[in-house]
Full PDB file with SEQRES, HELIX, SHEET, SSBOND, CRYST1, ORIGX, SCALE, CONECT and MASTER records, all heavy atoms in Angstrom:
SEQRES   1 A   31  GLN LEU ASN ASN ASN CYS ILE HIS LYS THR VAL GLY TYR          
SEQRES   2 A   31  GLN VAL PRO ASP GLU GLU CYS ASP LEU ASN TYR VAL THR          
SEQRES   3 A   31  ASP SER ASN ILE GLU                                          
CRYST1    1.000    1.000    1.000  90.00  90.00  90.00 P 1           1          
ORIGX1      1.000000  0.000000  0.000000        0.00000                         
ORIGX2      0.000000  1.000000  0.000000        0.00000                         
ORIGX3      0.000000  0.000000  1.000000        0.00000                         
SCALE1      1.000000  0.000000  0.000000        0.00000                         
SCALE2      0.000000  1.000000  0.000000        0.00000                         
SCALE3      0.000000  0.000000  1.000000        0.00000                         
ATOM      1  N   GLN A   1      21.991 -17.393  -3.660  1.00  0.00           N  
ATOM      2  CA  GLN A   1      21.019 -16.845  -2.709  1.00  0.00           C  
ATOM      3  C   GLN A   1      20.169 -17.951  -2.083  1.00  0.00           C  
ATOM      4  O   GLN A   1      19.920 -17.948  -0.872  1.00  0.00           O  
ATOM      5  CB  GLN A   1      20.147 -15.811  -3.411  1.00  0.00           C  
ATOM      6  CG  GLN A   1      20.901 -14.535  -3.778  1.00  0.00           C  
ATOM      7  CD  GLN A   1      20.016 -13.543  -4.505  1.00  0.00           C  
ATOM      8  OE1 GLN A   1      19.377 -12.697  -3.890  1.00  0.00           O  
ATOM      9  NE2 GLN A   1      19.979 -13.637  -5.828  1.00  0.00           N  
ATOM     10  N   LEU A   2      19.719 -18.898  -2.898  1.00  0.00           N  
ATOM     11  CA  LEU A   2      18.938 -20.019  -2.374  1.00  0.00           C  
ATOM     12  C   LEU A   2      19.717 -20.795  -1.318  1.00  0.00           C  
ATOM     13  O   LEU A   2      19.177 -21.141  -0.255  1.00  0.00           O  
ATOM     14  CB  LEU A   2      18.562 -20.972  -3.520  1.00  0.00           C  
ATOM     15  CG  LEU A   2      17.404 -20.586  -4.421  1.00  0.00           C  
ATOM     16  CD1 LEU A   2      17.400 -21.441  -5.678  1.00  0.00           C  
ATOM     17  CD2 LEU A   2      16.073 -20.734  -3.683  1.00  0.00           C  
ATOM     18  N   ASN A   3      20.983 -21.068  -1.608  1.00  0.00           N  
ATOM     19  CA  ASN A   3      21.770 -21.913  -0.718  1.00  0.00           C  
ATOM     20  C   ASN A   3      22.296 -21.184   0.509  1.00  0.00           C  
ATOM     21  O   ASN A   3      22.767 -21.817   1.460  1.00  0.00           O  
ATOM     22  CB  ASN A   3      22.935 -22.540  -1.494  1.00  0.00           C  
ATOM     23  CG  ASN A   3      22.464 -23.588  -2.478  1.00  0.00           C  
ATOM     24  OD1 ASN A   3      21.360 -24.117  -2.361  1.00  0.00           O  
ATOM     25  ND2 ASN A   3      23.278 -23.904  -3.471  1.00  0.00           N  
ATOM     26  N   ASN A   4      22.225 -19.861   0.483  1.00  0.00           N  
ATOM     27  CA  ASN A   4      22.676 -19.082   1.642  1.00  0.00           C  
ATOM     28  C   ASN A   4      21.533 -18.408   2.391  1.00  0.00           C  
ATOM     29  O   ASN A   4      21.776 -17.618   3.313  1.00  0.00           O  
ATOM     30  CB  ASN A   4      23.696 -18.032   1.190  1.00  0.00           C  
ATOM     31  CG  ASN A   4      25.044 -18.639   0.830  1.00  0.00           C  
ATOM     32  OD1 ASN A   4      25.860 -18.935   1.700  1.00  0.00           O  
ATOM     33  ND2 ASN A   4      25.275 -18.847  -0.464  1.00  0.00           N  
ATOM     34  N   ASN A   5      20.291 -18.731   1.998  1.00  0.00           N  
ATOM     35  CA  ASN A   5      19.112 -18.154   2.653  1.00  0.00           C  
ATOM     36  C   ASN A   5      19.229 -16.633   2.742  1.00  0.00           C  
ATOM     37  O   ASN A   5      18.918 -16.015   3.766  1.00  0.00           O  
ATOM     38  CB  ASN A   5      18.908 -18.744   4.049  1.00  0.00           C  
ATOM     39  CG  ASN A   5      18.671 -20.238   4.016  1.00  0.00           C  
ATOM     40  OD1 ASN A   5      17.993 -20.741   3.123  1.00  0.00           O  
ATOM     41  ND2 ASN A   5      19.241 -20.955   4.968  1.00  0.00           N  
ATOM     42  N   CYS A   6      19.668 -16.032   1.650  1.00  0.00           N  
ATOM     43  CA  CYS A   6      19.911 -14.592   1.643  1.00  0.00           C  
ATOM     44  C   CYS A   6      19.522 -14.011   0.302  1.00  0.00           C  
ATOM     45  O   CYS A   6      20.037 -14.441  -0.744  1.00  0.00           O  
ATOM     46  CB  CYS A   6      21.388 -14.315   1.938  1.00  0.00           C  
ATOM     47  SG  CYS A   6      21.860 -12.576   1.797  1.00  0.00           S  
ATOM     48  N   ILE A   7      18.623 -13.030   0.305  1.00  0.00           N  
ATOM     49  CA  ILE A   7      18.266 -12.276  -0.885  1.00  0.00           C  
ATOM     50  C   ILE A   7      18.985 -10.939  -0.791  1.00  0.00           C  
ATOM     51  O   ILE A   7      18.690 -10.120   0.080  1.00  0.00           O  
ATOM     52  CB  ILE A   7      16.746 -12.082  -0.994  1.00  0.00           C  
ATOM     53  CG1 ILE A   7      16.039 -13.441  -1.098  1.00  0.00           C  
ATOM     54  CG2 ILE A   7      16.405 -11.200  -2.196  1.00  0.00           C  
ATOM     55  CD1 ILE A   7      14.531 -13.366  -1.035  1.00  0.00           C  
ATOM     56  N   HIS A   8      19.975 -10.730  -1.663  1.00  0.00           N  
ATOM     57  CA  HIS A   8      20.779  -9.514  -1.543  1.00  0.00           C  
ATOM     58  C   HIS A   8      20.025  -8.291  -2.053  1.00  0.00           C  
ATOM     59  O   HIS A   8      19.076  -8.387  -2.831  1.00  0.00           O  
ATOM     60  CB  HIS A   8      22.119  -9.671  -2.261  1.00  0.00           C  
ATOM     61  CG  HIS A   8      22.018  -9.844  -3.755  1.00  0.00           C  
ATOM     62  ND1 HIS A   8      21.616  -8.835  -4.604  1.00  0.00           N  
ATOM     63  CD2 HIS A   8      22.286 -10.923  -4.547  1.00  0.00           C  
ATOM     64  CE1 HIS A   8      21.639  -9.279  -5.850  1.00  0.00           C  
ATOM     65  NE2 HIS A   8      22.037 -10.532  -5.852  1.00  0.00           N  
ATOM     66  N   LYS A   9      20.486  -7.140  -1.630  1.00  0.00           N  
ATOM     67  CA  LYS A   9      19.805  -5.903  -1.999  1.00  0.00           C  
ATOM     68  C   LYS A   9      20.120  -5.494  -3.435  1.00  0.00           C  
ATOM     69  O   LYS A   9      21.106  -5.932  -4.025  1.00  0.00           O  
ATOM     70  CB  LYS A   9      20.191  -4.780  -1.033  1.00  0.00           C  
ATOM     71  CG  LYS A   9      21.629  -4.307  -1.136  1.00  0.00           C  
ATOM     72  CD  LYS A   9      21.911  -3.159  -0.155  1.00  0.00           C  
ATOM     73  CE  LYS A   9      21.249  -1.870  -0.577  1.00  0.00           C  
ATOM     74  NZ  LYS A   9      21.673  -0.718   0.260  1.00  0.00           N  
ATOM     75  N   THR A  10      19.262  -4.648  -3.983  1.00  0.00           N  
ATOM     76  CA  THR A  10      19.521  -3.952  -5.232  1.00  0.00           C  
ATOM     77  C   THR A  10      20.256  -2.672  -4.867  1.00  0.00           C  
ATOM     78  O   THR A  10      19.712  -1.807  -4.180  1.00  0.00           O  
ATOM     79  CB  THR A  10      18.203  -3.635  -5.963  1.00  0.00           C  
ATOM     80  OG1 THR A  10      17.532  -4.855  -6.275  1.00  0.00           O  
ATOM     81  CG2 THR A  10      18.457  -2.858  -7.241  1.00  0.00           C  
ATOM     82  N   VAL A  11      21.492  -2.566  -5.295  1.00  0.00           N  
ATOM     83  CA  VAL A  11      22.373  -1.489  -4.846  1.00  0.00           C  
ATOM     84  C   VAL A  11      22.147  -0.206  -5.653  1.00  0.00           C  
ATOM     85  O   VAL A  11      21.815  -0.252  -6.839  1.00  0.00           O  
ATOM     86  CB  VAL A  11      23.841  -1.951  -4.962  1.00  0.00           C  
ATOM     87  CG1 VAL A  11      24.816  -0.843  -4.563  1.00  0.00           C  
ATOM     88  CG2 VAL A  11      24.071  -3.180  -4.085  1.00  0.00           C  
ATOM     89  N   GLY A  12      22.326   0.937  -5.009  1.00  0.00           N  
ATOM     90  CA  GLY A  12      22.299   2.225  -5.685  1.00  0.00           C  
ATOM     91  C   GLY A  12      20.944   2.896  -5.751  1.00  0.00           C  
ATOM     92  O   GLY A  12      20.830   4.058  -6.151  1.00  0.00           O  
ATOM     93  N   TYR A  13      19.901   2.185  -5.360  1.00  0.00           N  
ATOM     94  CA  TYR A  13      18.537   2.710  -5.453  1.00  0.00           C  
ATOM     95  C   TYR A  13      18.327   3.823  -4.421  1.00  0.00           C  
ATOM     96  O   TYR A  13      18.610   3.648  -3.239  1.00  0.00           O  
ATOM     97  CB  TYR A  13      17.553   1.573  -5.212  1.00  0.00           C  
ATOM     98  CG  TYR A  13      16.095   1.936  -5.329  1.00  0.00           C  
ATOM     99  CD1 TYR A  13      15.395   1.706  -6.507  1.00  0.00           C  
ATOM    100  CD2 TYR A  13      15.402   2.483  -4.256  1.00  0.00           C  
ATOM    101  CE1 TYR A  13      14.040   2.006  -6.610  1.00  0.00           C  
ATOM    102  CE2 TYR A  13      14.057   2.795  -4.348  1.00  0.00           C  
ATOM    103  CZ  TYR A  13      13.378   2.562  -5.529  1.00  0.00           C  
ATOM    104  OH  TYR A  13      12.044   2.860  -5.631  1.00  0.00           O  
ATOM    105  N   GLN A  14      17.795   4.967  -4.879  1.00  0.00           N  
ATOM    106  CA  GLN A  14      17.524   6.090  -3.969  1.00  0.00           C  
ATOM    107  C   GLN A  14      16.165   6.730  -4.187  1.00  0.00           C  
ATOM    108  O   GLN A  14      15.487   7.087  -3.222  1.00  0.00           O  
ATOM    109  CB  GLN A  14      18.612   7.170  -4.134  1.00  0.00           C  
ATOM    110  CG  GLN A  14      19.989   6.771  -3.661  1.00  0.00           C  
ATOM    111  CD  GLN A  14      21.012   7.888  -3.840  1.00  0.00           C  
ATOM    112  OE1 GLN A  14      20.669   9.025  -4.172  1.00  0.00           O  
ATOM    113  NE2 GLN A  14      22.281   7.562  -3.628  1.00  0.00           N  
ATOM    114  N   VAL A  15      15.770   6.893  -5.455  1.00  0.00           N  
ATOM    115  CA  VAL A  15      14.570   7.670  -5.759  1.00  0.00           C  
ATOM    116  C   VAL A  15      13.448   6.758  -6.239  1.00  0.00           C  
ATOM    117  O   VAL A  15      13.539   6.181  -7.331  1.00  0.00           O  
ATOM    118  CB  VAL A  15      14.873   8.737  -6.830  1.00  0.00           C  
ATOM    119  CG1 VAL A  15      13.638   9.614  -7.059  1.00  0.00           C  
ATOM    120  CG2 VAL A  15      16.078   9.585  -6.437  1.00  0.00           C  
ATOM    121  N   PRO A  16      12.380   6.601  -5.468  1.00  0.00           N  
ATOM    122  CA  PRO A  16      11.274   5.725  -5.876  1.00  0.00           C  
ATOM    123  C   PRO A  16      10.593   6.218  -7.158  1.00  0.00           C  
ATOM    124  O   PRO A  16      10.487   7.425  -7.398  1.00  0.00           O  
ATOM    125  CB  PRO A  16      10.313   5.790  -4.687  1.00  0.00           C  
ATOM    126  CG  PRO A  16      11.155   6.230  -3.532  1.00  0.00           C  
ATOM    127  CD  PRO A  16      12.181   7.152  -4.117  1.00  0.00           C  
ATOM    128  N   ASP A  17      10.166   5.255  -7.950  1.00  0.00           N  
ATOM    129  CA  ASP A  17       9.411   5.534  -9.173  1.00  0.00           C  
ATOM    130  C   ASP A  17       7.992   5.035  -8.940  1.00  0.00           C  
ATOM    131  O   ASP A  17       7.773   3.853  -8.659  1.00  0.00           O  
ATOM    132  CB  ASP A  17      10.066   4.802 -10.347  1.00  0.00           C  
ATOM    133  CG  ASP A  17       9.390   5.093 -11.685  1.00  0.00           C  
ATOM    134  OD1 ASP A  17       8.196   5.452 -11.691  1.00  0.00           O  
ATOM    135  OD2 ASP A  17      10.053   4.935 -12.727  1.00  0.00           O  
ATOM    136  N   GLU A  18       7.034   5.934  -9.068  1.00  0.00           N  
ATOM    137  CA  GLU A  18       5.641   5.558  -8.779  1.00  0.00           C  
ATOM    138  C   GLU A  18       5.133   4.460  -9.713  1.00  0.00           C  
ATOM    139  O   GLU A  18       4.188   3.738  -9.366  1.00  0.00           O  
ATOM    140  CB  GLU A  18       4.727   6.784  -8.850  1.00  0.00           C  
ATOM    141  CG  GLU A  18       4.720   7.527 -10.171  1.00  0.00           C  
ATOM    142  CD  GLU A  18       5.834   8.576 -10.275  1.00  0.00           C  
ATOM    143  OE1 GLU A  18       6.732   8.598  -9.409  1.00  0.00           O  
ATOM    144  OE2 GLU A  18       5.794   9.348 -11.243  1.00  0.00           O  
ATOM    145  N   GLU A  19       5.746   4.298 -10.867  1.00  0.00           N  
ATOM    146  CA  GLU A  19       5.321   3.244 -11.781  1.00  0.00           C  
ATOM    147  C   GLU A  19       6.043   1.916 -11.523  1.00  0.00           C  
ATOM    148  O   GLU A  19       5.584   0.868 -11.966  1.00  0.00           O  
ATOM    149  CB  GLU A  19       5.548   3.678 -13.230  1.00  0.00           C  
ATOM    150  CG  GLU A  19       4.650   4.805 -13.686  1.00  0.00           C  
ATOM    151  CD  GLU A  19       4.747   5.043 -15.170  1.00  0.00           C  
ATOM    152  OE1 GLU A  19       5.750   5.629 -15.606  1.00  0.00           O  
ATOM    153  OE2 GLU A  19       3.829   4.629 -15.912  1.00  0.00           O  
ATOM    154  N   CYS A  20       7.167   1.965 -10.851  1.00  0.00           N  
ATOM    155  CA  CYS A  20       7.893   0.759 -10.440  1.00  0.00           C  
ATOM    156  C   CYS A  20       7.758   0.669  -8.929  1.00  0.00           C  
ATOM    157  O   CYS A  20       8.593   1.186  -8.172  1.00  0.00           O  
ATOM    158  CB  CYS A  20       9.361   0.837 -10.857  1.00  0.00           C  
ATOM    159  SG  CYS A  20       9.620   0.859 -12.640  1.00  0.00           S  
ATOM    160  N   ASP A  21       6.674   0.035  -8.498  1.00  0.00           N  
ATOM    161  CA  ASP A  21       6.264   0.160  -7.094  1.00  0.00           C  
ATOM    162  C   ASP A  21       6.237  -1.185  -6.354  1.00  0.00           C  
ATOM    163  O   ASP A  21       5.467  -1.379  -5.415  1.00  0.00           O  
ATOM    164  CB  ASP A  21       4.889   0.811  -7.007  1.00  0.00           C  
ATOM    165  CG  ASP A  21       3.827   0.075  -7.826  1.00  0.00           C  
ATOM    166  OD1 ASP A  21       4.188  -0.881  -8.557  1.00  0.00           O  
ATOM    167  OD2 ASP A  21       2.636   0.443  -7.742  1.00  0.00           O  
ATOM    168  N   LEU A  22       7.129  -2.104  -6.766  1.00  0.00           N  
ATOM    169  CA  LEU A  22       7.219  -3.385  -6.074  1.00  0.00           C  
ATOM    170  C   LEU A  22       8.388  -3.363  -5.091  1.00  0.00           C  
ATOM    171  O   LEU A  22       9.085  -2.357  -4.952  1.00  0.00           O  
ATOM    172  CB  LEU A  22       7.357  -4.515  -7.100  1.00  0.00           C  
ATOM    173  CG  LEU A  22       6.179  -4.640  -8.075  1.00  0.00           C  
ATOM    174  CD1 LEU A  22       6.443  -5.734  -9.110  1.00  0.00           C  
ATOM    175  CD2 LEU A  22       4.865  -4.905  -7.334  1.00  0.00           C  
ATOM    176  N   ASN A  23       8.599  -4.475  -4.402  1.00  0.00           N  
ATOM    177  CA  ASN A  23       9.679  -4.555  -3.412  1.00  0.00           C  
ATOM    178  C   ASN A  23      10.960  -5.006  -4.094  1.00  0.00           C  
ATOM    179  O   ASN A  23      11.163  -6.194  -4.328  1.00  0.00           O  
ATOM    180  CB  ASN A  23       9.299  -5.522  -2.291  1.00  0.00           C  
ATOM    181  CG  ASN A  23      10.382  -5.610  -1.227  1.00  0.00           C  
ATOM    182  OD1 ASN A  23      11.420  -4.962  -1.312  1.00  0.00           O  
ATOM    183  ND2 ASN A  23      10.139  -6.417  -0.202  1.00  0.00           N  
ATOM    184  N   TYR A  24      11.848  -4.050  -4.401  1.00  0.00           N  
ATOM    185  CA  TYR A  24      13.083  -4.352  -5.107  1.00  0.00           C  
ATOM    186  C   TYR A  24      14.270  -4.555  -4.162  1.00  0.00           C  
ATOM    187  O   TYR A  24      15.422  -4.501  -4.592  1.00  0.00           O  
ATOM    188  CB  TYR A  24      13.388  -3.238  -6.116  1.00  0.00           C  
ATOM    189  CG  TYR A  24      12.247  -2.975  -7.079  1.00  0.00           C  
ATOM    190  CD1 TYR A  24      11.496  -1.807  -6.992  1.00  0.00           C  
ATOM    191  CD2 TYR A  24      11.904  -3.910  -8.051  1.00  0.00           C  
ATOM    192  CE1 TYR A  24      10.429  -1.568  -7.854  1.00  0.00           C  
ATOM    193  CE2 TYR A  24      10.847  -3.679  -8.920  1.00  0.00           C  
ATOM    194  CZ  TYR A  24      10.102  -2.506  -8.820  1.00  0.00           C  
ATOM    195  OH  TYR A  24       9.046  -2.282  -9.671  1.00  0.00           O  
ATOM    196  N   VAL A  25      13.985  -4.790  -2.892  1.00  0.00           N  
ATOM    197  CA  VAL A  25      14.995  -5.079  -1.863  1.00  0.00           C  
ATOM    198  C   VAL A  25      16.079  -3.992  -1.904  1.00  0.00           C  
ATOM    199  O   VAL A  25      17.235  -4.239  -2.233  1.00  0.00           O  
ATOM    200  CB  VAL A  25      15.619  -6.479  -2.038  1.00  0.00           C  
ATOM    201  CG1 VAL A  25      16.431  -6.875  -0.801  1.00  0.00           C  
ATOM    202  CG2 VAL A  25      14.560  -7.536  -2.306  1.00  0.00           C  
ATOM    203  N   THR A  26      15.686  -2.792  -1.561  1.00  0.00           N  
ATOM    204  CA  THR A  26      16.570  -1.632  -1.724  1.00  0.00           C  
ATOM    205  C   THR A  26      17.237  -1.170  -0.436  1.00  0.00           C  
ATOM    206  O   THR A  26      18.145  -0.332  -0.493  1.00  0.00           O  
ATOM    207  CB  THR A  26      15.778  -0.457  -2.317  1.00  0.00           C  
ATOM    208  OG1 THR A  26      14.656  -0.170  -1.467  1.00  0.00           O  
ATOM    209  CG2 THR A  26      15.275  -0.804  -3.711  1.00  0.00           C  
ATOM    210  N   ASP A  27      16.808  -1.676   0.700  1.00  0.00           N  
ATOM    211  CA  ASP A  27      17.374  -1.194   1.975  1.00  0.00           C  
ATOM    212  C   ASP A  27      18.526  -2.047   2.469  1.00  0.00           C  
ATOM    213  O   ASP A  27      19.584  -1.537   2.828  1.00  0.00           O  
ATOM    214  CB  ASP A  27      16.278  -1.118   3.045  1.00  0.00           C  
ATOM    215  CG  ASP A  27      15.237  -0.060   2.734  1.00  0.00           C  
ATOM    216  OD1 ASP A  27      15.611   0.962   2.121  1.00  0.00           O  
ATOM    217  OD2 ASP A  27      14.060  -0.263   3.074  1.00  0.00           O  
ATOM    218  N   SER A  28      18.309  -3.348   2.526  1.00  0.00           N  
ATOM    219  CA  SER A  28      19.332  -4.258   3.041  1.00  0.00           C  
ATOM    220  C   SER A  28      19.023  -5.672   2.584  1.00  0.00           C  
ATOM    221  O   SER A  28      17.924  -5.951   2.084  1.00  0.00           O  
ATOM    222  CB  SER A  28      19.388  -4.197   4.571  1.00  0.00           C  
ATOM    223  OG  SER A  28      18.147  -4.601   5.130  1.00  0.00           O  
ATOM    224  N   ASN A  29      19.973  -6.563   2.750  1.00  0.00           N  
ATOM    225  CA  ASN A  29      19.746  -7.969   2.419  1.00  0.00           C  
ATOM    226  C   ASN A  29      18.611  -8.535   3.263  1.00  0.00           C  
ATOM    227  O   ASN A  29      18.397  -8.111   4.409  1.00  0.00           O  
ATOM    228  CB  ASN A  29      21.011  -8.786   2.673  1.00  0.00           C  
ATOM    229  CG  ASN A  29      22.165  -8.385   1.781  1.00  0.00           C  
ATOM    230  OD1 ASN A  29      21.994  -7.637   0.819  1.00  0.00           O  
ATOM    231  ND2 ASN A  29      23.346  -8.892   2.079  1.00  0.00           N  
ATOM    232  N   ILE A  30      17.904  -9.509   2.702  1.00  0.00           N  
ATOM    233  CA  ILE A  30      16.821 -10.185   3.423  1.00  0.00           C  
ATOM    234  C   ILE A  30      17.290 -11.593   3.773  1.00  0.00           C  
ATOM    235  O   ILE A  30      17.605 -12.392   2.888  1.00  0.00           O  
ATOM    236  CB  ILE A  30      15.538 -10.275   2.557  1.00  0.00           C  
ATOM    237  CG1 ILE A  30      15.108  -8.885   2.084  1.00  0.00           C  
ATOM    238  CG2 ILE A  30      14.428 -10.986   3.329  1.00  0.00           C  
ATOM    239  CD1 ILE A  30      14.693  -7.944   3.168  1.00  0.00           C  
ATOM    240  N   GLU A  31      17.359 -11.881   5.052  1.00  0.00           N  
ATOM    241  CA  GLU A  31      17.734 -13.228   5.502  1.00  0.00           C  
ATOM    242  C   GLU A  31      16.458 -14.047   5.617  1.00  0.00           C  
ATOM    243  O   GLU A  31      15.624 -13.814   6.493  1.00  0.00           O  
ATOM    244  CB  GLU A  31      18.455 -13.165   6.857  1.00  0.00           C  
ATOM    245  CG  GLU A  31      19.714 -12.303   6.856  1.00  0.00           C  
ATOM    246  CD  GLU A  31      20.819 -12.856   5.981  1.00  0.00           C  
ATOM    247  OE1 GLU A  31      20.871 -14.099   5.795  1.00  0.00           O  
ATOM    248  OE2 GLU A  31      21.636 -12.057   5.477  1.00  0.00           O  
TER     249      GLU A  31                                                      
MASTER        0    0    0    0    0    0    0    6  248    1    0    3          
END                                                                             
């Protein structure tokens, strides 16, 4: 990820948890 300037998504995530409320990169990869 460091060498490709890409943070890949966390796959399969659908239902938010109010206690796990950080940015888990759930929509798409971050360039």
